[in-house]
Amino acid sequence: MSYNTEQLQKMRQQYVARGVSNGNLNIAKSAKNATIITEKGEEFIDFAGAIGVMNVGHSHPKVIAAIKAQLDHFTHPGFNVMMYQSYLEVCKRLCEITAGDHDKKAILFNTGAEAVENAVKIARKFTGRTGVVAFNRAFHGRTNLTMGMTSKVKPYKVGFGPFASEIYQAPFPYLYQRPAHMNEEEYIDYTIHRFDQFFKATASPETIACLVMEPVQGEGGFIIPPKRFVEHVYHFCQKNGIIFVADEIQTGFSRTGKLFAMENFDIVPDLMTTSKSLAAGVPLSAVVGRAEIVNAPNPGELGGTFSGSPLACAAALAVMEIVEEENLNEKAEALGQKLEEYLTEQQSKHPYIGDIRRLGAMVAAEIVQSPESRVPDAEKTNAITKYANDHGLLLLSAGINSNVIRFLAPLTITDSELERGLTILTEAFNQ
């Protein structure tokens, strides 16, 4: 039975929980690369990428072929019941492509939040400690444990407590919003000092199992930490026996111009979580890291019914080939440069674009009331993203104050798709 757009929108209203948000109320019918076609035949340029999932683009032929080929054999014997090759291959490839020449192991799950939870479980088992440190403005998921690690209260946490105990949020640098009397180096010194004080005033290092850091804060507003801060945090963890976990769920698979964003900081994490673009839209996540740490839990203490789905594993293996064959690291940097140049031009016309920041193709524009005040302007940000979504461009905001426009277009986006998207965005800025 087929339905038209209005019928489907009514069905959503009647049967789907309102807790699921929709930035765009159109109905997707097909998608290819960076273009989504609706049930009405309208085309939308995708600058959202399903929130960072579609780095290789929608419906990549290699991914589709891999999934179809797997369907001819089986859909899910369950790795805990009987092993299959693709799960083993994904773990092998993840161990090979992640930084560091030490022995590694990996384990597969379904979602990013699941990966973070299991990284915490592994770290607790290995260290015998219980405390977990995340950061201000962090986002790690919507489960009970990861909500406690997530910083933004509305809409993610309010009314959902109590949260898991022994979770702490350390200070995280935000260069654009630093005090006016400090230059960048002074501010970095200040945030390093605050981080060290945190472990005197709030949490004791010997009780902390792991510290979880996004190399670039995603939902927090695409905040890029200074390299010196990241190095200090990493060395503090190494000195105090704290497992350093890199949350690469949004930053992974070439988004920042490196396969994984921590490579930009020359840091080799003890554990890493990845998901989103790992399997091009098929649910899959992973924890990968030092073999002796990953091996700490006993058989049966980790896993899940659908963890490491064969369809997702087939897609992931295709994604890893695409990243290499199509030079997605280079494409990410080229796309990021184009977006930065475009936004810089727009900033000269629209002073409310207060800050432009990027690492590779992880690009953001912060919208403020004025460049002098740097006061966040969520209302204007919402107006820009709404205009875009009403006129053929999928566009997302982010940030604790909901005043950051973030760009997560597929790294495979064509020049024509990019130009069409930027034309709509220009109209949105001009409104």
Protein backbone atom coordinates (compact mmCIF):
# COMPACT_ATOMS: atom_id res chain seq x y z
CA MET A 1 0.00 0.00 0.00
CA SER A 2 1.33 3.43 -0.89
CA TYR A 3 0.74 6.67 0.98
CA ASN A 4 1.23 10.29 0.03
CA THR A 5 3.25 12.77 2.08
CA GLU A 6 0.29 14.18 3.98
CA GLN A 7 -0.93 10.70 4.94
CA LEU A 8 2.52 9.72 6.16
CA GLN A 9 2.88 12.91 8.17
CA LYS A 10 -0.48 12.18 9.79
CA MET A 11 0.70 8.62 10.50
CA ARG A 12 3.81 10.02 12.19
CA GLN A 13 1.62 12.28 14.34
CA GLN A 14 -0.71 9.47 15.32
CA TYR A 15 1.65 6.55 15.89
CA VAL A 16 5.23 7.73 16.49
CA ALA A 17 6.47 8.95 19.87
CA ARG A 18 6.83 12.72 19.93
CA GLY A 19 10.16 12.32 21.73
CA VAL A 20 11.71 11.60 18.34
CA SER A 21 12.51 14.96 16.77
CA ASN A 22 12.24 15.73 13.05
CA GLY A 23 14.21 18.57 11.55
CA ASN A 24 12.46 18.06 8.23
CA LEU A 25 8.92 16.73 7.80
CA ASN A 26 9.27 15.64 4.17
CA ILE A 27 9.36 11.93 3.31
CA ALA A 28 12.53 10.48 1.80
CA LYS A 29 11.96 8.13 -1.15
CA SER A 30 15.48 7.70 -2.55
CA ALA A 31 18.96 9.07 -1.99
CA LYS A 32 22.22 9.10 -3.89
CA ASN A 33 25.50 10.65 -2.78
CA ALA A 34 24.50 14.04 -1.29
CA THR A 35 21.00 14.32 -2.75
CA ILE A 36 17.79 12.99 -1.20
CA ILE A 37 14.60 12.83 -3.26
CA THR A 38 11.28 13.06 -1.44
CA GLU A 39 8.02 11.22 -2.00
CA LYS A 40 6.84 14.34 -3.89
CA GLY A 41 9.89 14.30 -6.16
CA GLU A 42 11.58 17.29 -4.53
CA GLU A 43 15.38 17.25 -4.21
CA PHE A 44 17.23 18.08 -0.99
CA ILE A 45 20.96 18.63 -0.79
CA ASP A 46 22.25 16.86 2.31
CA PHE A 47 24.58 18.89 4.54
CA ALA A 48 23.57 16.75 7.56
CA GLY A 49 24.64 13.28 6.45
CA ALA A 50 22.23 11.65 8.93
CA ILE A 51 24.25 13.43 11.66
CA GLY A 52 27.65 12.33 10.35
CA VAL A 53 26.71 8.84 9.16
CA MET A 54 27.05 9.18 5.40
CA ASN A 55 30.72 10.07 4.88
CA VAL A 56 30.83 7.82 1.79
CA GLY A 57 27.53 9.21 0.51
CA HIS A 58 24.06 7.79 0.25
CA SER A 59 23.62 4.49 -1.60
CA HIS A 60 27.26 4.06 -2.55
CA PRO A 61 27.27 1.26 -5.18
CA LYS A 62 30.00 -0.67 -3.37
CA VAL A 63 28.11 -0.61 -0.07
CA ILE A 64 24.83 -1.65 -1.72
CA ALA A 65 26.55 -4.51 -3.56
CA ALA A 66 28.20 -5.76 -0.37
CA ILE A 67 24.90 -5.81 1.54
CA LYS A 68 23.07 -7.57 -1.31
CA ALA A 69 25.80 -10.19 -1.58
CA GLN A 70 25.59 -10.91 2.15
CA LEU A 71 21.82 -11.37 1.90
CA ASP A 72 22.36 -14.38 -0.35
CA HIS A 73 24.11 -16.22 2.50
CA PHE A 74 22.42 -15.30 5.81
CA THR A 75 21.16 -12.31 7.75
CA HIS A 76 22.22 -13.11 11.32
CA PRO A 77 23.40 -16.37 12.88
CA GLY A 78 24.49 -14.38 15.96
CA PHE A 79 28.23 -14.13 16.56
CA ASN A 80 27.79 -15.44 20.12
CA VAL A 81 26.13 -18.57 18.68
CA MET A 82 28.25 -19.20 15.60
CA MET A 83 31.07 -17.05 14.23
CA TYR A 84 31.17 -15.66 10.71
CA GLN A 85 33.99 -14.25 8.62
CA SER A 86 32.86 -10.65 8.17
CA TYR A 87 32.81 -9.94 11.95
CA LEU A 88 36.37 -11.26 12.20
CA GLU A 89 37.47 -9.24 9.18
CA VAL A 90 36.02 -5.99 10.54
CA CYS A 91 37.85 -6.48 13.84
CA LYS A 92 41.06 -7.31 11.99
CA ARG A 93 40.79 -4.24 9.75
CA LEU A 94 40.00 -1.93 12.68
CA CYS A 95 43.08 -3.18 14.51
CA GLU A 96 45.17 -2.60 11.39
CA ILE A 97 43.97 0.90 10.49
CA THR A 98 43.95 2.49 13.95
CA ALA A 99 47.06 4.26 15.22
CA GLY A 100 49.76 2.50 17.22
CA ASP A 101 51.94 -0.54 16.61
CA HIS A 102 50.94 -2.34 19.83
CA ASP A 103 48.77 -5.46 19.88
CA LYS A 104 45.08 -4.56 19.55
CA LYS A 105 41.71 -6.21 19.77
CA ALA A 106 38.21 -5.07 18.84
CA ILE A 107 34.62 -5.89 19.68
CA LEU A 108 31.49 -4.91 17.76
CA PHE A 109 28.18 -3.47 18.95
CA ASN A 110 25.21 -1.64 17.41
CA THR A 111 25.27 2.04 18.38
CA GLY A 112 27.66 4.73 19.47
CA ALA A 113 26.20 4.86 22.97
CA GLU A 114 26.64 1.09 23.26
CA ALA A 115 30.28 1.42 22.26
CA VAL A 116 30.88 4.12 24.88
CA GLU A 117 29.16 2.07 27.60
CA ASN A 118 31.26 -0.97 26.77
CA ALA A 119 34.47 1.06 26.67
CA VAL A 120 33.63 2.14 30.22
CA LYS A 121 32.90 -1.47 31.23
CA ILE A 122 36.22 -2.62 29.77
CA ALA A 123 38.15 0.18 31.48
CA ARG A 124 36.51 -0.54 34.83
CA LYS A 125 37.27 -4.24 34.54
CA PHE A 126 40.90 -3.63 33.58
CA THR A 127 41.67 -0.99 36.21
CA GLY A 128 39.48 -2.18 39.06
CA ARG A 129 38.36 1.43 39.41
CA THR A 130 34.89 2.87 38.94
CA GLY A 131 35.11 6.62 38.19
CA VAL A 132 34.52 8.06 34.71
CA VAL A 133 35.57 11.51 33.50
CA ALA A 134 34.00 13.23 30.52
CA PHE A 135 34.03 16.95 29.64
CA ASN A 136 31.83 20.03 29.67
CA ARG A 137 29.76 20.21 26.45
CA ALA A 138 30.41 16.51 25.70
CA PHE A 139 27.85 14.28 24.03
CA HIS A 140 28.22 10.51 24.37
CA GLY A 141 24.69 9.15 23.98
CA ARG A 142 21.15 8.88 25.36
CA THR A 143 21.30 5.71 27.48
CA ASN A 144 21.36 6.11 31.24
CA LEU A 145 25.13 5.87 31.59
CA THR A 146 25.92 7.99 28.54
CA MET A 147 23.30 10.60 29.52
CA GLY A 148 25.27 11.03 32.72
CA MET A 149 28.40 11.60 30.61
CA THR A 150 26.58 13.98 28.26
CA SER A 151 26.71 17.66 29.19
CA LYS A 152 23.71 19.36 27.55
CA VAL A 153 20.73 19.22 29.91
CA LYS A 154 17.91 20.08 27.48
CA PRO A 155 16.73 18.08 25.62
CA TYR A 156 18.94 15.14 26.57
CA LYS A 157 18.81 14.86 30.35
CA VAL A 158 16.00 16.85 31.95
CA GLY A 159 13.44 14.58 33.60
CA PHE A 160 15.36 11.35 32.93
CA GLY A 161 17.39 11.00 36.13
CA PRO A 162 18.76 9.73 38.37
CA PHE A 163 21.92 9.05 36.42
CA ALA A 164 24.76 6.64 37.03
CA SER A 165 27.08 7.65 39.83
CA GLU A 166 30.81 8.44 39.78
CA ILE A 167 30.67 10.34 36.51
CA TYR A 168 32.48 13.67 36.45
CA GLN A 169 32.73 16.46 33.87
CA ALA A 170 36.08 18.18 33.53
CA PRO A 171 36.62 21.64 31.96
CA PHE A 172 37.20 21.73 28.20
CA PRO A 173 38.71 24.68 26.30
CA TYR A 174 36.59 26.88 24.03
CA LEU A 175 38.97 29.31 22.35
CA TYR A 176 36.33 31.51 20.74
CA GLN A 177 34.56 32.15 24.04
CA ARG A 178 37.71 32.75 26.10
CA PRO A 179 37.83 35.79 28.40
CA ALA A 180 38.63 38.98 26.51
CA HIS A 181 41.75 39.75 28.55
CA MET A 182 43.45 36.44 27.61
CA ASN A 183 45.31 35.59 24.45
CA GLU A 184 45.16 32.01 23.16
CA GLU A 185 48.29 30.77 24.91
CA GLU A 186 47.24 32.28 28.23
CA TYR A 187 43.84 30.70 27.87
CA ILE A 188 45.33 27.27 27.12
CA ASP A 189 47.50 27.60 30.24
CA TYR A 190 44.39 28.55 32.19
CA THR A 191 42.34 25.55 31.00
CA ILE A 192 45.23 23.17 31.69
CA HIS A 193 45.43 24.60 35.21
CA ARG A 194 41.67 24.16 35.64
CA PHE A 195 41.93 20.57 34.43
CA ASP A 196 44.64 19.83 36.99
CA GLN A 197 42.64 21.54 39.74
CA PHE A 198 39.62 19.43 38.80
CA PHE A 199 41.56 16.36 39.95
CA LYS A 200 42.18 18.03 43.30
CA ALA A 201 38.79 19.58 43.93
CA THR A 202 36.34 17.21 42.22
CA ALA A 203 37.77 13.76 41.45
CA SER A 204 40.76 11.81 42.71
CA PRO A 205 42.88 10.27 39.92
CA GLU A 206 43.37 6.92 41.65
CA THR A 207 39.59 6.32 41.58
CA ILE A 208 39.16 7.03 37.86
CA ALA A 209 38.93 4.09 35.45
CA CYS A 210 38.80 6.10 32.23
CA LEU A 211 38.60 9.53 30.69
CA VAL A 212 36.49 9.82 27.53
CA MET A 213 37.26 12.64 25.10
CA GLU A 214 35.79 13.64 21.74
CA PRO A 215 38.73 14.87 19.62
CA VAL A 216 36.29 17.50 18.35
CA GLN A 217 33.14 18.02 20.39
CA GLY A 218 30.23 17.26 18.07
CA GLU A 219 26.88 18.10 19.64
CA GLY A 220 28.79 20.54 21.86
CA GLY A 221 29.32 22.81 18.83
CA PHE A 222 32.28 21.41 16.87
CA ILE A 223 34.68 22.71 19.48
CA ILE A 224 38.29 21.92 18.51
CA PRO A 225 40.64 21.70 21.50
CA PRO A 226 44.20 23.06 21.27
CA LYS A 227 46.76 20.32 20.68
CA ARG A 228 48.66 21.28 23.83
CA PHE A 229 45.56 20.70 25.95
CA VAL A 230 44.90 17.27 24.43
CA GLU A 231 48.54 16.28 24.95
CA HIS A 232 48.41 17.37 28.58
CA VAL A 233 45.23 15.37 29.23
CA TYR A 234 46.68 12.29 27.55
CA HIS A 235 49.92 12.42 29.52
CA PHE A 236 48.01 13.03 32.75
CA CYS A 237 46.03 9.85 32.09
CA GLN A 238 49.17 7.85 31.31
CA LYS A 239 50.85 9.10 34.47
CA ASN A 240 47.88 8.22 36.68
CA GLY A 241 46.85 4.87 35.18
CA ILE A 242 43.64 6.26 33.67
CA ILE A 243 42.46 4.65 30.43
CA PHE A 244 42.31 7.33 27.72
CA VAL A 245 39.27 6.69 25.50
CA ALA A 246 38.84 8.60 22.24
CA ASP A 247 35.18 8.93 21.24
CA GLU A 248 35.55 8.95 17.44
CA ILE A 249 31.90 8.23 16.73
CA GLN A 250 31.29 11.48 14.82
CA THR A 251 34.90 12.35 13.98
CA GLY A 252 35.94 8.99 12.52
CA PHE A 253 36.33 7.68 8.99
CA SER A 254 38.00 10.68 7.38
CA ARG A 255 35.64 13.42 8.60
CA THR A 256 38.55 15.52 9.91
CA GLY A 257 40.98 14.81 7.07
CA LYS A 258 42.51 11.88 8.94
CA LEU A 259 41.05 8.41 9.23
CA PHE A 260 40.52 9.17 12.93
CA ALA A 261 40.67 12.64 14.42
CA MET A 262 43.14 11.86 17.22
CA GLU A 263 45.77 11.50 14.49
CA ASN A 264 45.58 15.31 14.13
CA PHE A 265 46.85 15.55 17.71
CA ASP A 266 49.48 12.78 17.40
CA ILE A 267 47.74 10.87 20.19
CA VAL A 268 47.35 7.08 20.28
CA PRO A 269 44.39 6.37 22.58
CA ASP A 270 44.23 3.30 24.81
CA LEU A 271 40.70 2.62 23.58
CA MET A 272 38.65 4.13 20.77
CA THR A 273 34.93 4.04 20.04
CA THR A 274 33.60 4.34 16.53
CA SER A 275 30.20 4.10 14.84
CA LYS A 276 28.15 6.42 12.55
CA SER A 277 30.07 6.35 9.22
CA LEU A 278 31.65 2.98 10.03
CA ALA A 279 28.93 1.12 8.12
CA ALA A 280 27.32 3.82 5.95
CA GLY A 281 23.97 3.78 7.71
CA VAL A 282 23.70 0.16 8.82
CA PRO A 283 23.82 0.06 12.65
CA LEU A 284 27.32 -0.89 13.78
CA SER A 285 29.78 0.33 16.39
CA ALA A 286 33.07 -0.85 17.79
CA VAL A 287 35.53 -0.57 20.63
CA VAL A 288 39.12 -1.08 19.54
CA GLY A 289 42.33 -0.66 21.50
CA ARG A 290 45.15 -2.18 23.45
CA ALA A 291 44.75 -5.95 23.53
CA GLU A 292 45.49 -6.33 27.23
CA ILE A 293 42.78 -3.78 28.08
CA VAL A 294 40.12 -5.08 25.68
CA ASN A 295 40.82 -8.61 26.93
CA ALA A 296 40.07 -7.77 30.58
CA PRO A 297 36.41 -8.89 30.63
CA ASN A 298 35.71 -12.63 30.74
CA PRO A 299 33.73 -14.51 28.05
CA GLY A 300 30.05 -13.64 28.26
CA GLU A 301 30.61 -10.32 30.03
CA LEU A 302 30.38 -8.33 26.79
CA GLY A 303 28.17 -8.69 23.74
CA GLY A 304 24.58 -8.35 22.56
CA THR A 305 22.02 -10.14 20.41
CA PHE A 306 22.51 -8.08 17.26
CA SER A 307 26.08 -6.92 17.85
CA GLY A 308 28.16 -7.14 14.69
CA SER A 309 25.29 -7.82 12.29
CA PRO A 310 26.58 -9.54 9.12
CA LEU A 311 24.84 -6.92 6.96
CA ALA A 312 26.55 -4.13 8.89
CA CYS A 313 29.91 -5.89 8.74
CA ALA A 314 29.62 -6.27 4.97
CA ALA A 315 28.87 -2.56 4.69
CA ALA A 316 31.78 -1.65 6.97
CA LEU A 317 34.29 -3.64 4.95
CA ALA A 318 33.08 -1.83 1.83
CA VAL A 319 33.39 1.54 3.59
CA MET A 320 37.00 0.83 4.54
CA GLU A 321 37.81 0.05 0.91
CA ILE A 322 36.05 3.21 -0.30
CA VAL A 323 38.00 5.40 2.15
CA GLU A 324 41.26 4.21 0.60
CA GLU A 325 40.22 3.90 -3.04
CA GLU A 326 38.52 7.31 -3.21
CA ASN A 327 41.07 9.17 -1.05
CA LEU A 328 38.47 10.43 1.40
CA ASN A 329 41.06 12.01 3.70
CA GLU A 330 42.13 14.30 0.87
CA LYS A 331 38.54 14.92 -0.18
CA ALA A 332 37.65 15.90 3.38
CA GLU A 333 40.37 18.52 3.53
CA ALA A 334 39.40 19.90 0.11
CA LEU A 335 35.72 20.09 1.10
CA GLY A 336 36.62 21.75 4.39
CA GLN A 337 38.68 24.38 2.59
CA LYS A 338 35.80 25.18 0.22
CA LEU A 339 33.36 25.53 3.10
CA GLU A 340 35.77 27.70 5.08
CA GLU A 341 36.32 30.01 2.09
CA TYR A 342 32.58 30.28 1.51
CA LEU A 343 31.82 31.00 5.17
CA THR A 344 34.61 33.57 5.39
CA GLU A 345 33.08 35.40 2.42
CA GLN A 346 29.65 35.27 4.07
CA GLN A 347 31.12 36.49 7.36
CA SER A 348 32.27 39.69 5.65
CA LYS A 349 28.63 40.35 4.69
CA HIS A 350 26.97 39.03 7.84
CA PRO A 351 28.79 39.95 11.07
CA TYR A 352 26.50 37.63 13.04
CA ILE A 353 28.73 34.80 11.78
CA GLY A 354 31.03 35.19 14.75
CA ASP A 355 33.41 32.27 14.38
CA ILE A 356 34.32 29.77 11.68
CA ARG A 357 36.16 26.65 12.76
CA ARG A 358 37.03 23.38 11.15
CA LEU A 359 39.18 20.31 11.29
CA GLY A 360 39.13 18.76 7.83
CA ALA A 361 35.49 18.70 6.73
CA MET A 362 34.14 18.99 10.27
CA VAL A 363 33.10 22.61 9.83
CA ALA A 364 31.03 24.98 11.94
CA ALA A 365 29.84 28.58 11.95
CA GLU A 366 28.90 30.11 15.29
CA ILE A 367 26.03 32.59 15.14
CA VAL A 368 26.17 35.47 17.62
CA GLN A 369 24.32 38.73 18.26
CA SER A 370 27.44 40.72 17.41
CA PRO A 371 31.14 39.96 16.89
CA GLU A 372 31.96 42.23 19.82
CA SER A 373 29.65 40.64 22.37
CA ARG A 374 29.91 37.04 21.09
CA VAL A 375 26.54 36.44 22.75
CA PRO A 376 24.97 33.27 21.27
CA ASP A 377 21.99 33.86 18.97
CA ALA A 378 19.91 30.68 18.94
CA GLU A 379 16.91 32.44 17.40
CA LYS A 380 18.83 33.52 14.31
CA THR A 381 20.47 30.10 14.04
CA ASN A 382 17.06 28.45 14.07
CA ALA A 383 15.79 30.84 11.42
CA ILE A 384 18.72 29.99 9.13
CA THR A 385 18.39 26.22 9.52
CA LYS A 386 14.58 26.40 9.14
CA TYR A 387 14.86 28.40 5.92
CA ALA A 388 17.37 25.88 4.58
CA ASN A 389 15.20 22.89 5.47
CA ASP A 390 12.15 24.59 3.93
CA HIS A 391 13.99 25.29 0.67
CA GLY A 392 15.88 22.14 -0.25
CA LEU A 393 18.90 21.98 2.07
CA LEU A 394 19.21 19.63 5.05
CA LEU A 395 21.07 21.63 7.68
CA LEU A 396 21.67 21.05 11.40
CA SER A 397 22.54 23.18 14.38
CA ALA A 398 24.52 22.21 17.48
CA GLY A 399 26.05 23.67 20.63
CA ILE A 400 25.07 24.05 24.26
CA ASN A 401 23.33 27.30 23.27
CA SER A 402 21.97 25.91 19.96
CA ASN A 403 23.74 28.65 18.04
CA VAL A 404 26.20 26.70 15.89
CA ILE A 405 25.54 25.64 12.31
CA ARG A 406 27.38 22.40 11.59
CA PHE A 407 28.31 20.87 8.28
CA LEU A 408 28.39 17.09 7.84
CA ALA A 409 27.90 16.69 4.10
CA PRO A 410 29.11 13.42 2.54
CA LEU A 411 32.80 13.63 1.74
CA THR A 412 31.91 12.40 -1.75
CA ILE A 413 29.65 15.38 -2.48
CA THR A 414 29.97 16.62 -6.06
CA ASP A 415 30.84 20.21 -6.95
CA SER A 416 27.34 20.59 -8.39
CA GLU A 417 25.65 19.35 -5.21
CA LEU A 418 27.85 21.57 -3.05
CA GLU A 419 27.14 24.62 -5.19
CA ARG A 420 23.38 24.01 -5.04
CA GLY A 421 23.52 23.63 -1.28
CA LEU A 422 25.57 26.78 -0.78
CA THR A 423 23.20 28.76 -3.00
CA ILE A 424 20.32 27.87 -0.69
CA LEU A 425 22.44 28.64 2.36
CA THR A 426 23.32 32.07 0.92
CA GLU A 427 19.60 32.78 0.60
CA ALA A 428 19.13 31.68 4.21
CA PHE A 429 21.91 34.00 5.40
CA ASN A 430 20.38 36.86 3.43
CA GLN A 431 16.94 36.50 5.03
